[in-house]
Amino acid sequence: MSGSDELVALYDLDGTAVGAATRSRVRAEGLWHAAGVVLVRSGDGKSVYVHLRTPTKDVYPSTWDCWAGGVVAAGETPEECARRELAEELGVHGVELRLLFTHVYDEGTIRCHNFAFEARWDGPFVHQTSEVAEGRWLTLDELRSWLDDPSSAFVPDGRLGALEWFRREAAR
Protein backbone atom coordinates (compact mmCIF):
# COMPACT_ATOMS: atom_id res chain seq x y z
CA MET A 1 0.00 0.00 0.00
CA SER A 2 1.48 3.36 -1.00
CA GLY A 3 1.81 6.22 1.50
CA SER A 4 -1.27 8.03 0.17
CA ASP A 5 -3.33 4.81 0.32
CA GLU A 6 -2.34 3.74 3.84
CA LEU A 7 -5.25 3.56 6.27
CA VAL A 8 -5.26 6.33 8.85
CA ALA A 9 -7.32 6.29 12.04
CA LEU A 10 -10.16 8.80 11.99
CA TYR A 11 -11.01 10.65 15.20
CA ASP A 12 -14.01 12.63 16.36
CA LEU A 13 -13.88 16.13 17.83
CA ASP A 14 -13.39 14.69 21.32
CA GLY A 15 -10.25 12.77 20.35
CA THR A 16 -11.75 9.28 20.14
CA ALA A 17 -10.92 6.90 17.29
CA VAL A 18 -14.07 6.33 15.22
CA GLY A 19 -12.97 4.69 11.97
CA ALA A 20 -10.42 4.76 9.19
CA ALA A 21 -9.80 6.32 5.79
CA THR A 22 -6.93 6.51 3.34
CA ARG A 23 -4.28 9.15 3.99
CA SER A 24 -5.10 10.78 0.64
CA ARG A 25 -8.78 11.12 1.63
CA VAL A 26 -7.86 12.50 5.08
CA ARG A 27 -5.65 15.14 3.41
CA ALA A 28 -8.10 15.98 0.59
CA GLU A 29 -11.20 16.26 2.80
CA GLY A 30 -9.58 17.67 5.94
CA LEU A 31 -10.84 14.79 8.08
CA TRP A 32 -10.12 14.67 11.81
CA HIS A 33 -7.25 12.33 12.59
CA ALA A 34 -4.49 11.99 15.20
CA ALA A 35 -0.73 11.99 15.45
CA GLY A 36 1.71 10.59 17.97
CA VAL A 37 4.50 13.13 18.48
CA VAL A 38 7.61 12.97 20.67
CA LEU A 39 9.71 15.80 22.08
CA VAL A 40 13.24 14.40 22.52
CA ARG A 41 15.12 16.07 25.37
CA SER A 42 18.68 15.44 26.41
CA GLY A 43 19.17 13.28 29.48
CA ASP A 44 19.73 16.39 31.62
CA GLY A 45 16.63 18.06 30.14
CA LYS A 46 18.52 21.20 29.08
CA SER A 47 18.29 20.67 25.31
CA VAL A 48 15.74 19.58 22.71
CA TYR A 49 16.52 17.80 19.45
CA VAL A 50 15.13 19.55 16.37
CA HIS A 51 15.12 18.31 12.80
CA LEU A 52 14.62 19.75 9.34
CA ARG A 53 11.92 18.05 7.29
CA THR A 54 12.86 17.09 3.74
CA PRO A 55 11.52 19.09 0.79
CA THR A 56 9.51 16.03 -0.32
CA LYS A 57 7.25 15.87 2.78
CA ASP A 58 3.53 16.11 1.86
CA VAL A 59 2.83 18.56 4.70
CA TYR A 60 5.14 21.41 5.78
CA PRO A 61 8.17 20.49 3.65
CA SER A 62 11.56 22.10 4.40
CA THR A 63 10.55 23.30 7.85
CA TRP A 64 12.04 22.65 11.27
CA ASP A 65 10.25 20.68 13.98
CA CYS A 66 10.99 19.63 17.54
CA TRP A 67 8.48 16.76 17.46
CA ALA A 68 9.29 13.41 15.89
CA GLY A 69 6.02 11.87 14.89
CA GLY A 70 3.35 11.12 12.40
CA VAL A 71 -0.20 10.14 11.68
CA VAL A 72 -1.81 7.36 13.73
CA ALA A 73 -2.49 4.37 11.49
CA ALA A 74 -5.77 2.47 11.62
CA GLY A 75 -5.68 0.03 14.55
CA GLU A 76 -2.74 1.79 16.20
CA THR A 77 -2.75 3.72 19.48
CA PRO A 78 -1.16 7.17 19.66
CA GLU A 79 1.63 5.77 21.86
CA GLU A 80 2.33 2.94 19.40
CA CYS A 81 2.45 5.54 16.64
CA ALA A 82 4.81 7.76 18.65
CA ARG A 83 7.19 4.83 19.28
CA ARG A 84 7.09 3.76 15.62
CA GLU A 85 7.70 7.27 14.31
CA LEU A 86 10.51 7.97 16.80
CA ALA A 87 12.24 4.78 15.65
CA GLU A 88 11.64 5.46 11.95
CA GLU A 89 12.52 9.16 11.84
CA LEU A 90 15.34 9.41 14.38
CA GLY A 91 16.42 5.80 14.98
CA VAL A 92 15.54 5.96 18.68
CA HIS A 93 14.39 2.66 20.21
CA GLY A 94 13.50 1.41 23.67
CA VAL A 95 13.08 4.73 25.48
CA GLU A 96 10.43 5.53 28.04
CA LEU A 97 7.69 7.81 26.72
CA ARG A 98 5.89 10.15 29.08
CA LEU A 99 2.49 11.44 27.94
CA LEU A 100 2.47 15.22 28.13
CA PHE A 101 -0.88 16.40 26.73
CA THR A 102 -3.07 16.33 23.64
CA HIS A 103 -2.87 19.41 21.45
CA VAL A 104 -5.65 20.03 18.95
CA TYR A 105 -4.63 21.64 15.67
CA ASP A 106 -7.36 22.82 13.29
CA GLU A 107 -6.01 24.97 10.50
CA GLY A 108 -7.17 24.76 6.89
CA THR A 109 -7.40 21.12 5.88
CA ILE A 110 -5.25 19.87 8.77
CA ARG A 111 -7.48 18.81 11.64
CA CYS A 112 -5.52 16.74 14.09
CA HIS A 113 -5.31 15.63 17.71
CA ASN A 114 -1.57 15.62 18.49
CA PHE A 115 -0.89 13.20 21.33
CA ALA A 116 2.36 14.66 22.71
CA PHE A 117 4.97 12.57 24.51
CA GLU A 118 8.43 13.27 25.88
CA ALA A 119 11.51 11.05 25.76
CA ARG A 120 14.98 11.55 27.23
CA TRP A 121 17.81 10.48 24.92
CA ASP A 122 21.37 11.68 24.40
CA GLY A 123 21.87 9.95 21.08
CA PRO A 124 22.92 8.67 18.73
CA PHE A 125 20.37 9.60 16.09
CA VAL A 126 19.90 7.87 12.74
CA HIS A 127 17.82 10.04 10.42
CA GLN A 128 15.35 8.55 7.99
CA THR A 129 16.68 10.22 4.82
CA SER A 130 13.27 10.40 3.13
CA GLU A 131 11.87 12.48 6.01
CA VAL A 132 14.72 14.17 7.90
CA ALA A 133 17.30 16.33 6.12
CA GLU A 134 19.33 17.20 9.23
CA GLY A 135 19.06 17.58 12.97
CA ARG A 136 20.69 19.34 15.92
CA TRP A 137 20.37 20.09 19.60
CA LEU A 138 19.00 23.44 20.77
CA THR A 139 19.02 24.69 24.33
CA LEU A 140 15.59 25.47 25.74
CA ASP A 141 16.32 29.20 25.35
CA GLU A 142 17.37 28.74 21.71
CA LEU A 143 14.23 26.72 20.96
CA ARG A 144 12.04 29.35 22.61
CA SER A 145 13.69 32.07 20.48
CA TRP A 146 12.96 30.09 17.29
CA LEU A 147 9.35 29.55 18.35
CA ASP A 148 8.85 33.22 19.23
CA ASP A 149 10.18 34.36 15.84
CA PRO A 150 7.27 34.25 13.37
CA SER A 151 9.71 34.35 10.44
CA SER A 152 11.45 31.12 11.49
CA ALA A 153 10.70 28.17 9.23
CA PHE A 154 9.04 26.07 11.92
CA VAL A 155 6.17 23.61 11.44
CA PRO A 156 2.98 25.50 12.49
CA ASP A 157 1.41 22.72 14.57
CA GLY A 158 4.80 21.88 16.06
CA ARG A 159 5.31 25.53 17.01
CA LEU A 160 1.95 25.69 18.78
CA GLY A 161 2.54 22.36 20.52
CA ALA A 162 5.98 23.44 21.72
CA LEU A 163 4.65 26.78 22.97
CA GLU A 164 2.00 24.84 24.90
CA TRP A 165 4.76 22.62 26.31
CA PHE A 166 6.69 25.70 27.47
CA ARG A 167 3.51 27.15 29.03
CA ARG A 168 2.87 23.94 30.95
CA GLU A 169 6.51 23.60 32.05
CA ALA A 170 6.45 27.15 33.43
CA ALA A 171 3.31 26.30 35.42
CA ARG A 172 4.94 23.24 37.06
C-alpha atoms as a PDB file:
ATOM      1  CA  MET A   1       0.000   0.000   0.000  1.00  0.00           C
ATOM      2  CA  SER A   2       1.480   3.355  -0.997  1.00  0.00           C
ATOM      3  CA  GLY A   3       1.810   6.221   1.501  1.00  0.00           C
ATOM      4  CA  SER A   4      -1.270   8.027   0.174  1.00  0.00           C
ATOM      5  CA  ASP A   5      -3.327   4.814   0.317  1.00  0.00           C
ATOM      6  CA  GLU A   6      -2.344   3.735   3.842  1.00  0.00           C
ATOM      7  CA  LEU A   7      -5.249   3.558   6.269  1.00  0.00           C
ATOM      8  CA  VAL A   8      -5.259   6.335   8.847  1.00  0.00           C
ATOM      9  CA  ALA A   9      -7.317   6.293  12.044  1.00  0.00           C
ATOM     10  CA  LEU A  10     -10.162   8.804  11.993  1.00  0.00           C
ATOM     11  CA  TYR A  11     -11.009  10.653  15.199  1.00  0.00           C
ATOM     12  CA  ASP A  12     -14.012  12.626  16.359  1.00  0.00           C
ATOM     13  CA  LEU A  13     -13.879  16.135  17.829  1.00  0.00           C
ATOM     14  CA  ASP A  14     -13.388  14.692  21.324  1.00  0.00           C
ATOM     15  CA  GLY A  15     -10.254  12.768  20.351  1.00  0.00           C
ATOM     16  CA  THR A  16     -11.753   9.277  20.137  1.00  0.00           C
ATOM     17  CA  ALA A  17     -10.922   6.895  17.292  1.00  0.00           C
ATOM     18  CA  VAL A  18     -14.071   6.331  15.216  1.00  0.00           C
ATOM     19  CA  GLY A  19     -12.974   4.695  11.972  1.00  0.00           C
ATOM     20  CA  ALA A  20     -10.418   4.761   9.188  1.00  0.00           C
ATOM     21  CA  ALA A  21      -9.804   6.325   5.788  1.00  0.00           C
ATOM     22  CA  THR A  22      -6.932   6.509   3.342  1.00  0.00           C
ATOM     23  CA  ARG A  23      -4.283   9.151   3.987  1.00  0.00           C
ATOM     24  CA  SER A  24      -5.103  10.775   0.641  1.00  0.00           C
ATOM     25  CA  ARG A  25      -8.778  11.115   1.634  1.00  0.00           C
ATOM     26  CA  VAL A  26      -7.858  12.503   5.077  1.00  0.00           C
ATOM     27  CA  ARG A  27      -5.654  15.143   3.406  1.00  0.00           C
ATOM     28  CA  ALA A  28      -8.098  15.976   0.588  1.00  0.00           C
ATOM     29  CA  GLU A  29     -11.195  16.256   2.802  1.00  0.00           C
ATOM     30  CA  GLY A  30      -9.583  17.669   5.942  1.00  0.00           C
ATOM     31  CA  LEU A  31     -10.836  14.789   8.084  1.00  0.00           C
ATOM     32  CA  TRP A  32     -10.117  14.674  11.815  1.00  0.00           C
ATOM     33  CA  HIS A  33      -7.253  12.330  12.591  1.00  0.00           C
ATOM     34  CA  ALA A  34      -4.492  11.986  15.197  1.00  0.00           C
ATOM     35  CA  ALA A  35      -0.734  11.992  15.454  1.00  0.00           C
ATOM     36  CA  GLY A  36       1.709  10.591  17.970  1.00  0.00           C
ATOM     37  CA  VAL A  37       4.501  13.127  18.479  1.00  0.00           C
ATOM     38  CA  VAL A  38       7.609  12.975  20.673  1.00  0.00           C
ATOM     39  CA  LEU A  39       9.711  15.795  22.076  1.00  0.00           C
ATOM     40  CA  VAL A  40      13.236  14.404  22.519  1.00  0.00           C
ATOM     41  CA  ARG A  41      15.117  16.069  25.369  1.00  0.00           C
ATOM     42  CA  SER A  42      18.678  15.439  26.414  1.00  0.00           C
ATOM     43  CA  GLY A  43      19.174  13.281  29.484  1.00  0.00           C
ATOM     44  CA  ASP A  44      19.730  16.387  31.618  1.00  0.00           C
ATOM     45  CA  GLY A  45      16.630  18.061  30.136  1.00  0.00           C
ATOM     46  CA  LYS A  46      18.523  21.196  29.079  1.00  0.00           C
ATOM     47  CA  SER A  47      18.293  20.673  25.307  1.00  0.00           C
ATOM     48  CA  VAL A  48      15.741  19.580  22.709  1.00  0.00           C
ATOM     49  CA  TYR A  49      16.515  17.795  19.451  1.00  0.00           C
ATOM     50  CA  VAL A  50      15.134  19.545  16.370  1.00  0.00           C
ATOM     51  CA  HIS A  51      15.122  18.312  12.805  1.00  0.00           C
ATOM     52  CA  LEU A  52      14.618  19.753   9.339  1.00  0.00           C
ATOM     53  CA  ARG A  53      11.918  18.053   7.293  1.00  0.00           C
ATOM     54  CA  THR A  54      12.861  17.086   3.743  1.00  0.00           C
ATOM     55  CA  PRO A  55      11.515  19.091   0.792  1.00  0.00           C
ATOM     56  CA  THR A  56       9.505  16.028  -0.323  1.00  0.00           C
ATOM     57  CA  LYS A  57       7.251  15.866   2.775  1.00  0.00           C
ATOM     58  CA  ASP A  58       3.534  16.111   1.864  1.00  0.00           C
ATOM     59  CA  VAL A  59       2.835  18.558   4.699  1.00  0.00           C
ATOM     60  CA  TYR A  60       5.139  21.408   5.784  1.00  0.00           C
ATOM     61  CA  PRO A  61       8.169  20.488   3.650  1.00  0.00           C
ATOM     62  CA  SER A  62      11.563  22.096   4.399  1.00  0.00           C
ATOM     63  CA  THR A  63      10.553  23.302   7.849  1.00  0.00           C
ATOM     64  CA  TRP A  64      12.037  22.650  11.273  1.00  0.00           C
ATOM     65  CA  ASP A  65      10.252  20.680  13.976  1.00  0.00           C
ATOM     66  CA  CYS A  66      10.990  19.627  17.540  1.00  0.00           C
ATOM     67  CA  TRP A  67       8.475  16.762  17.464  1.00  0.00           C
ATOM     68  CA  ALA A  68       9.286  13.406  15.889  1.00  0.00           C
ATOM     69  CA  GLY A  69       6.023  11.874  14.893  1.00  0.00           C
ATOM     70  CA  GLY A  70       3.352  11.124  12.398  1.00  0.00           C
ATOM     71  CA  VAL A  71      -0.200  10.141  11.682  1.00  0.00           C
ATOM     72  CA  VAL A  72      -1.807   7.365  13.735  1.00  0.00           C
ATOM     73  CA  ALA A  73      -2.487   4.374  11.492  1.00  0.00           C
ATOM     74  CA  ALA A  74      -5.767   2.468  11.620  1.00  0.00           C
ATOM     75  CA  GLY A  75      -5.683   0.033  14.545  1.00  0.00           C
ATOM     76  CA  GLU A  76      -2.739   1.788  16.196  1.00  0.00           C
ATOM     77  CA  THR A  77      -2.751   3.715  19.482  1.00  0.00           C
ATOM     78  CA  PRO A  78      -1.164   7.168  19.657  1.00  0.00           C
ATOM     79  CA  GLU A  79       1.634   5.767  21.858  1.00  0.00           C
ATOM     80  CA  GLU A  80       2.330   2.941  19.402  1.00  0.00           C
ATOM     81  CA  CYS A  81       2.448   5.542  16.643  1.00  0.00           C
ATOM     82  CA  ALA A  82       4.815   7.756  18.647  1.00  0.00           C
ATOM     83  CA  ARG A  83       7.190   4.828  19.279  1.00  0.00           C
ATOM     84  CA  ARG A  84       7.085   3.757  15.623  1.00  0.00           C
ATOM     85  CA  GLU A  85       7.702   7.272  14.310  1.00  0.00           C
ATOM     86  CA  LEU A  86      10.507   7.965  16.798  1.00  0.00           C
ATOM     87  CA  ALA A  87      12.243   4.784  15.646  1.00  0.00           C
ATOM     88  CA  GLU A  88      11.641   5.460  11.947  1.00  0.00           C
ATOM     89  CA  GLU A  89      12.522   9.163  11.835  1.00  0.00           C
ATOM     90  CA  LEU A  90      15.341   9.413  14.379  1.00  0.00           C
ATOM     91  CA  GLY A  91      16.420   5.805  14.977  1.00  0.00           C
ATOM     92  CA  VAL A  92      15.536   5.959  18.678  1.00  0.00           C
ATOM     93  CA  HIS A  93      14.387   2.662  20.208  1.00  0.00           C
ATOM     94  CA  GLY A  94      13.504   1.415  23.673  1.00  0.00           C
ATOM     95  CA  VAL A  95      13.083   4.727  25.481  1.00  0.00           C
ATOM     96  CA  GLU A  96      10.426   5.535  28.038  1.00  0.00           C
ATOM     97  CA  LEU A  97       7.690   7.806  26.720  1.00  0.00           C
ATOM     98  CA  ARG A  98       5.885  10.155  29.084  1.00  0.00           C
ATOM     99  CA  LEU A  99       2.488  11.437  27.936  1.00  0.00           C
ATOM    100  CA  LEU A 100       2.471  15.224  28.134  1.00  0.00           C
ATOM    101  CA  PHE A 101      -0.877  16.400  26.733  1.00  0.00           C
ATOM    102  CA  THR A 102      -3.067  16.332  23.639  1.00  0.00           C
ATOM    103  CA  HIS A 103      -2.873  19.407  21.454  1.00  0.00           C
ATOM    104  CA  VAL A 104      -5.655  20.031  18.952  1.00  0.00           C
ATOM    105  CA  TYR A 105      -4.632  21.637  15.671  1.00  0.00           C
ATOM    106  CA  ASP A 106      -7.365  22.816  13.293  1.00  0.00           C
ATOM    107  CA  GLU A 107      -6.014  24.966  10.496  1.00  0.00           C
ATOM    108  CA  GLY A 108      -7.165  24.764   6.885  1.00  0.00           C
ATOM    109  CA  THR A 109      -7.397  21.117   5.883  1.00  0.00           C
ATOM    110  CA  ILE A 110      -5.247  19.874   8.767  1.00  0.00           C
ATOM    111  CA  ARG A 111      -7.481  18.814  11.636  1.00  0.00           C
ATOM    112  CA  CYS A 112      -5.524  16.735  14.089  1.00  0.00           C
ATOM    113  CA  HIS A 113      -5.312  15.627  17.706  1.00  0.00           C
ATOM    114  CA  ASN A 114      -1.573  15.616  18.486  1.00  0.00           C
ATOM    115  CA  PHE A 115      -0.889  13.202  21.334  1.00  0.00           C
ATOM    116  CA  ALA A 116       2.359  14.657  22.706  1.00  0.00           C
ATOM    117  CA  PHE A 117       4.970  12.571  24.512  1.00  0.00           C
ATOM    118  CA  GLU A 118       8.428  13.274  25.878  1.00  0.00           C
ATOM    119  CA  ALA A 119      11.508  11.054  25.761  1.00  0.00           C
ATOM    120  CA  ARG A 120      14.978  11.548  27.232  1.00  0.00           C
ATOM    121  CA  TRP A 121      17.811  10.484  24.918  1.00  0.00           C
ATOM    122  CA  ASP A 122      21.370  11.682  24.402  1.00  0.00           C
ATOM    123  CA  GLY A 123      21.872   9.948  21.076  1.00  0.00           C
ATOM    124  CA  PRO A 124      22.924   8.666  18.731  1.00  0.00           C
ATOM    125  CA  PHE A 125      20.367   9.596  16.089  1.00  0.00           C
ATOM    126  CA  VAL A 126      19.905   7.866  12.740  1.00  0.00           C
ATOM    127  CA  HIS A 127      17.816  10.044  10.418  1.00  0.00           C
ATOM    128  CA  GLN A 128      15.346   8.550   7.987  1.00  0.00           C
ATOM    129  CA  THR A 129      16.681  10.216   4.822  1.00  0.00           C
ATOM    130  CA  SER A 130      13.267  10.396   3.134  1.00  0.00           C
ATOM    131  CA  GLU A 131      11.865  12.478   6.010  1.00  0.00           C
ATOM    132  CA  VAL A 132      14.718  14.165   7.898  1.00  0.00           C
ATOM    133  CA  ALA A 133      17.300  16.331   6.120  1.00  0.00           C
ATOM    134  CA  GLU A 134      19.333  17.201   9.229  1.00  0.00           C
ATOM    135  CA  GLY A 135      19.058  17.584  12.973  1.00  0.00           C
ATOM    136  CA  ARG A 136      20.691  19.336  15.921  1.00  0.00           C
ATOM    137  CA  TRP A 137      20.374  20.094  19.598  1.00  0.00           C
ATOM    138  CA  LEU A 138      19.002  23.441  20.767  1.00  0.00           C
ATOM    139  CA  THR A 139      19.021  24.689  24.328  1.00  0.00           C
ATOM    140  CA  LEU A 140      15.594  25.467  25.738  1.00  0.00           C
ATOM    141  CA  ASP A 141      16.318  29.204  25.354  1.00  0.00           C
ATOM    142  CA  GLU A 142      17.370  28.736  21.714  1.00  0.00           C
ATOM    143  CA  LEU A 143      14.231  26.719  20.962  1.00  0.00           C
ATOM    144  CA  ARG A 144      12.042  29.349  22.613  1.00  0.00           C
ATOM    145  CA  SER A 145      13.693  32.066  20.480  1.00  0.00           C
ATOM    146  CA  TRP A 146      12.957  30.091  17.295  1.00  0.00           C
ATOM    147  CA  LEU A 147       9.352  29.553  18.355  1.00  0.00           C
ATOM    148  CA  ASP A 148       8.848  33.222  19.234  1.00  0.00           C
ATOM    149  CA  ASP A 149      10.184  34.357  15.843  1.00  0.00           C
ATOM    150  CA  PRO A 150       7.268  34.252  13.375  1.00  0.00           C
ATOM    151  CA  SER A 151       9.714  34.354  10.444  1.00  0.00           C
ATOM    152  CA  SER A 152      11.448  31.124  11.487  1.00  0.00           C
ATOM    153  CA  ALA A 153      10.698  28.168   9.228  1.00  0.00           C
ATOM    154  CA  PHE A 154       9.043  26.066  11.925  1.00  0.00           C
ATOM    155  CA  VAL A 155       6.171  23.613  11.437  1.00  0.00           C
ATOM    156  CA  PRO A 156       2.985  25.495  12.490  1.00  0.00           C
ATOM    157  CA  ASP A 157       1.411  22.719  14.575  1.00  0.00           C
ATOM    158  CA  GLY A 158       4.801  21.882  16.062  1.00  0.00           C
ATOM    159  CA  ARG A 159       5.309  25.530  17.012  1.00  0.00           C
ATOM    160  CA  LEU A 160       1.951  25.692  18.779  1.00  0.00           C
ATOM    161  CA  GLY A 161       2.537  22.363  20.520  1.00  0.00           C
ATOM    162  CA  ALA A 162       5.983  23.443  21.723  1.00  0.00           C
ATOM    163  CA  LEU A 163       4.645  26.779  22.974  1.00  0.00           C
ATOM    164  CA  GLU A 164       1.996  24.842  24.899  1.00  0.00           C
ATOM    165  CA  TRP A 165       4.758  22.624  26.315  1.00  0.00           C
ATOM    166  CA  PHE A 166       6.695  25.701  27.467  1.00  0.00           C
ATOM    167  CA  ARG A 167       3.511  27.147  29.031  1.00  0.00           C
ATOM    168  CA  ARG A 168       2.866  23.940  30.951  1.00  0.00           C
ATOM    169  CA  GLU A 169       6.512  23.602  32.047  1.00  0.00           C
ATOM    170  CA  ALA A 170       6.447  27.148  33.429  1.00  0.00           C
ATOM    171  CA  ALA A 171       3.310  26.303  35.423  1.00  0.00           C
ATOM    172  CA  ARG A 172       4.938  23.238  37.056  1.00  0.00           C
END
